[in-house]
Amino acid sequence: MDYRSIPKVAVIGYAGDIEEYPVNTVSEIAKRVGALLGEKGYVVLTGGRDGIMHIVSREAAEKDAIVLGITPYKDGGITPYAIEISTGLDMAMRSGVLLNSADIVISIGGAAGTAIEIFMAYSYRKPLILMRGTGGWTDRLISILESDNTLDGRSLDYRSAGGVYIADNVEMLEELLDKLTGQGK
């Protein structure tokens, strides 16, 4: 098998305790996203830590997906459901490795760190899928995209780098992934 041909999908979003706010408000969608990525046979990339990263990694691993956790520092891994790639880098530099390694990036909610990753993914020209209804910076950017008539609704700036897509649910996410990877039904 040529592993280079398997699409690599990164998932970014809220960090933190999976039983606490805000992660617990989006845990069901994170489970469904992880399961979908595993069922589709994608290589799943996360930051290898807690929160959304842990949930998505667990669900994808249960579907026998290859799951890589690109972690900061030397001992940054938290989730046992990913093969840990310890970068020895700080969080921002680790995010650069994570996002540059992906073919597509999915954002679920997210605080300031996720906002930075969203803009990094965009600047690296990675197709970016924002999951509507997950809160945080993901929904803030959806609101901006839908209300700012100076952009085309799929760009975060005038460059139209990478393309930004909005998924209202996991079914729409699957359609977008099929389109972006050329693996349609």
Protein backbone atom coordinates (compact mmCIF):
# COMPACT_ATOMS: atom_id res chain seq x y z
CA MET A 1 0.00 0.00 0.00
CA ASP A 2 1.19 3.51 -0.82
CA TYR A 3 0.50 5.38 2.40
CA ARG A 4 1.19 8.68 0.64
CA SER A 5 -2.10 8.32 -1.21
CA ILE A 6 -4.22 8.19 1.96
CA PRO A 7 -5.70 11.63 2.69
CA LYS A 8 -4.47 13.16 5.94
CA VAL A 9 -7.15 15.06 7.83
CA ALA A 10 -6.27 17.23 10.83
CA VAL A 11 -8.87 18.06 13.46
CA ILE A 12 -8.41 21.13 15.63
CA GLY A 13 -10.60 22.50 18.38
CA TYR A 14 -11.15 22.91 22.08
CA ALA A 15 -8.57 21.51 24.48
CA GLY A 16 -9.45 20.62 28.05
CA ASP A 17 -11.24 18.07 30.19
CA ILE A 18 -13.74 16.14 28.07
CA GLU A 19 -16.28 16.23 30.92
CA GLU A 20 -16.08 20.01 31.36
CA TYR A 21 -17.31 23.06 29.46
CA PRO A 22 -16.75 23.80 26.60
CA VAL A 23 -15.53 20.39 25.40
CA ASN A 24 -18.56 18.57 26.79
CA THR A 25 -20.88 20.74 24.67
CA VAL A 26 -19.40 19.38 21.43
CA SER A 27 -18.34 15.88 22.44
CA GLU A 28 -21.09 14.19 20.42
CA ILE A 29 -20.10 15.92 17.20
CA ALA A 30 -16.43 15.19 17.92
CA LYS A 31 -17.32 11.50 18.34
CA ARG A 32 -19.19 11.47 15.04
CA VAL A 33 -16.37 13.29 13.22
CA GLY A 34 -13.76 10.87 14.60
CA ALA A 35 -15.87 7.83 13.67
CA LEU A 36 -16.47 9.19 10.15
CA LEU A 37 -12.77 9.81 9.56
CA GLY A 38 -11.98 6.31 10.79
CA GLU A 39 -14.67 4.70 8.64
CA LYS A 40 -13.43 6.57 5.57
CA GLY A 41 -9.90 5.27 6.19
CA TYR A 42 -8.21 8.66 6.47
CA VAL A 43 -5.02 9.25 8.41
CA VAL A 44 -6.20 11.38 11.33
CA LEU A 45 -3.92 14.07 12.72
CA THR A 46 -4.49 15.90 15.99
CA GLY A 47 -2.42 17.73 18.55
CA GLY A 48 -2.35 14.51 20.61
CA ARG A 49 -3.64 16.16 23.74
CA ASP A 50 -6.98 16.33 25.58
CA GLY A 51 -10.37 17.73 24.60
CA ILE A 52 -11.50 17.41 21.00
CA MET A 53 -8.14 15.87 20.10
CA HIS A 54 -8.68 13.00 22.53
CA ILE A 55 -12.29 12.34 21.51
CA VAL A 56 -11.59 12.37 17.77
CA SER A 57 -8.49 10.20 18.22
CA ARG A 58 -10.39 7.63 20.29
CA GLU A 59 -13.29 7.34 17.85
CA ALA A 60 -11.04 7.13 14.77
CA ALA A 61 -8.77 4.55 16.45
CA GLU A 62 -11.81 2.42 17.29
CA LYS A 63 -12.46 2.28 13.53
CA ASP A 64 -8.84 1.13 12.97
CA ALA A 65 -7.67 4.42 11.47
CA ILE A 66 -4.07 5.52 11.61
CA VAL A 67 -4.10 8.32 14.20
CA LEU A 68 -1.10 10.57 14.76
CA GLY A 69 -0.81 12.99 17.66
CA ILE A 70 1.63 15.77 16.77
CA THR A 71 2.58 16.95 20.25
CA PRO A 72 4.49 19.91 21.61
CA TYR A 73 7.50 19.66 23.87
CA LYS A 74 9.03 16.28 24.71
CA ASP A 75 6.22 14.83 26.82
CA GLY A 76 3.20 16.58 25.37
CA GLY A 77 0.98 13.58 24.60
CA ILE A 78 -2.13 12.94 26.64
CA THR A 79 -4.38 10.71 24.54
CA PRO A 80 -3.44 7.02 24.36
CA TYR A 81 -5.35 6.67 21.08
CA ALA A 82 -2.73 8.23 18.82
CA ILE A 83 0.78 7.41 17.77
CA GLU A 84 2.66 10.25 19.39
CA ILE A 85 5.03 12.34 17.30
CA SER A 86 6.88 14.46 19.89
CA THR A 87 8.13 17.55 18.14
CA GLY A 88 10.01 19.10 21.04
CA LEU A 89 8.53 22.40 19.84
CA ASP A 90 6.29 24.91 21.59
CA MET A 91 2.55 24.90 20.89
CA ALA A 92 2.62 27.36 17.97
CA MET A 93 5.51 25.68 16.20
CA ARG A 94 3.93 22.26 16.79
CA SER A 95 0.77 23.57 15.15
CA GLY A 96 2.81 24.46 12.07
CA VAL A 97 4.01 20.85 11.80
CA LEU A 98 0.48 19.51 12.36
CA LEU A 99 -1.14 21.75 9.78
CA ASN A 100 1.55 21.45 7.15
CA SER A 101 1.25 17.66 7.40
CA ALA A 102 -2.50 17.72 6.68
CA ASP A 103 -4.32 17.70 3.36
CA ILE A 104 -7.54 19.04 4.94
CA VAL A 105 -8.26 20.69 8.30
CA ILE A 106 -11.52 20.44 10.27
CA SER A 107 -12.25 22.92 13.08
CA ILE A 108 -14.59 22.17 15.98
CA GLY A 109 -15.18 25.11 18.33
CA GLY A 110 -11.97 26.39 19.78
CA ALA A 111 -10.39 29.09 21.84
CA ALA A 112 -7.45 31.37 20.96
CA GLY A 113 -5.09 28.52 20.06
CA THR A 114 -7.62 27.13 17.59
CA ALA A 115 -8.10 30.59 16.06
CA ILE A 116 -4.37 30.76 15.44
CA GLU A 117 -4.46 27.27 13.87
CA ILE A 118 -7.41 28.23 11.65
CA PHE A 119 -5.50 31.19 10.26
CA MET A 120 -2.31 29.14 9.92
CA ALA A 121 -4.16 26.44 7.96
CA TYR A 122 -5.67 29.10 5.74
CA SER A 123 -2.30 30.75 5.13
CA TYR A 124 -0.81 27.32 4.28
CA ARG A 125 -3.60 27.02 1.68
CA LYS A 126 -5.16 23.98 3.31
CA PRO A 127 -8.85 23.39 2.66
CA LEU A 128 -10.52 24.31 5.94
CA ILE A 129 -13.89 22.95 7.06
CA LEU A 130 -15.63 24.81 9.86
CA MET A 131 -18.21 22.76 11.81
CA ARG A 132 -21.22 25.02 12.42
CA GLY A 133 -22.79 25.04 15.85
CA THR A 134 -19.63 24.09 17.73
CA GLY A 135 -19.02 27.51 19.26
CA GLY A 136 -15.78 29.35 19.84
CA TRP A 137 -13.74 30.73 16.98
CA THR A 138 -15.21 28.26 14.51
CA ASP A 139 -18.69 29.80 14.80
CA ARG A 140 -17.30 33.34 15.08
CA LEU A 141 -15.57 32.92 11.74
CA ILE A 142 -18.67 31.39 10.17
CA SER A 143 -20.60 34.48 11.26
CA ILE A 144 -18.00 36.75 9.70
CA LEU A 145 -17.90 34.75 6.46
CA GLU A 146 -21.68 34.89 6.13
CA SER A 147 -22.03 38.58 6.95
CA ASP A 148 -19.00 40.15 5.24
CA ASN A 149 -19.96 41.00 1.67
CA THR A 150 -16.38 42.00 0.78
CA LEU A 151 -15.30 38.36 0.68
CA ASP A 152 -16.70 35.47 -1.32
CA GLY A 153 -17.90 33.48 1.71
CA ARG A 154 -15.03 31.02 1.33
CA SER A 155 -12.07 33.24 2.12
CA LEU A 156 -10.62 34.75 5.26
CA ASP A 157 -8.94 37.51 3.24
CA TYR A 158 -8.53 38.83 -0.29
CA ARG A 159 -6.14 35.99 -1.32
CA SER A 160 -8.76 33.22 -1.33
CA ALA A 161 -6.07 30.87 -0.01
CA GLY A 162 -7.02 27.23 0.44
CA GLY A 163 -10.75 27.62 0.56
CA VAL A 164 -13.00 27.71 3.61
CA TYR A 165 -16.06 25.47 3.78
CA ILE A 166 -18.90 25.30 6.28
CA ALA A 167 -20.45 22.00 7.35
CA ASP A 168 -23.79 22.18 9.12
CA ASN A 169 -23.59 18.54 10.21
CA VAL A 170 -21.53 15.37 9.82
CA GLU A 171 -23.40 14.34 6.66
CA MET A 172 -22.40 17.61 5.01
CA LEU A 173 -18.86 17.10 6.30
CA GLU A 174 -18.74 13.72 4.59
CA GLU A 175 -19.88 15.26 1.30
CA LEU A 176 -17.20 17.95 1.56
CA LEU A 177 -14.50 15.42 2.37
CA ASP A 178 -15.55 13.27 -0.60
CA LYS A 179 -15.40 16.31 -2.87
CA LEU A 180 -12.08 17.61 -1.53
CA THR A 181 -10.35 14.21 -1.59
CA GLY A 182 -11.86 13.02 -4.86
CA GLN A 183 -13.21 9.95 -3.06
CA GLY A 184 -16.87 10.49 -3.87
CA LYS A 185 -19.40 7.77 -3.30
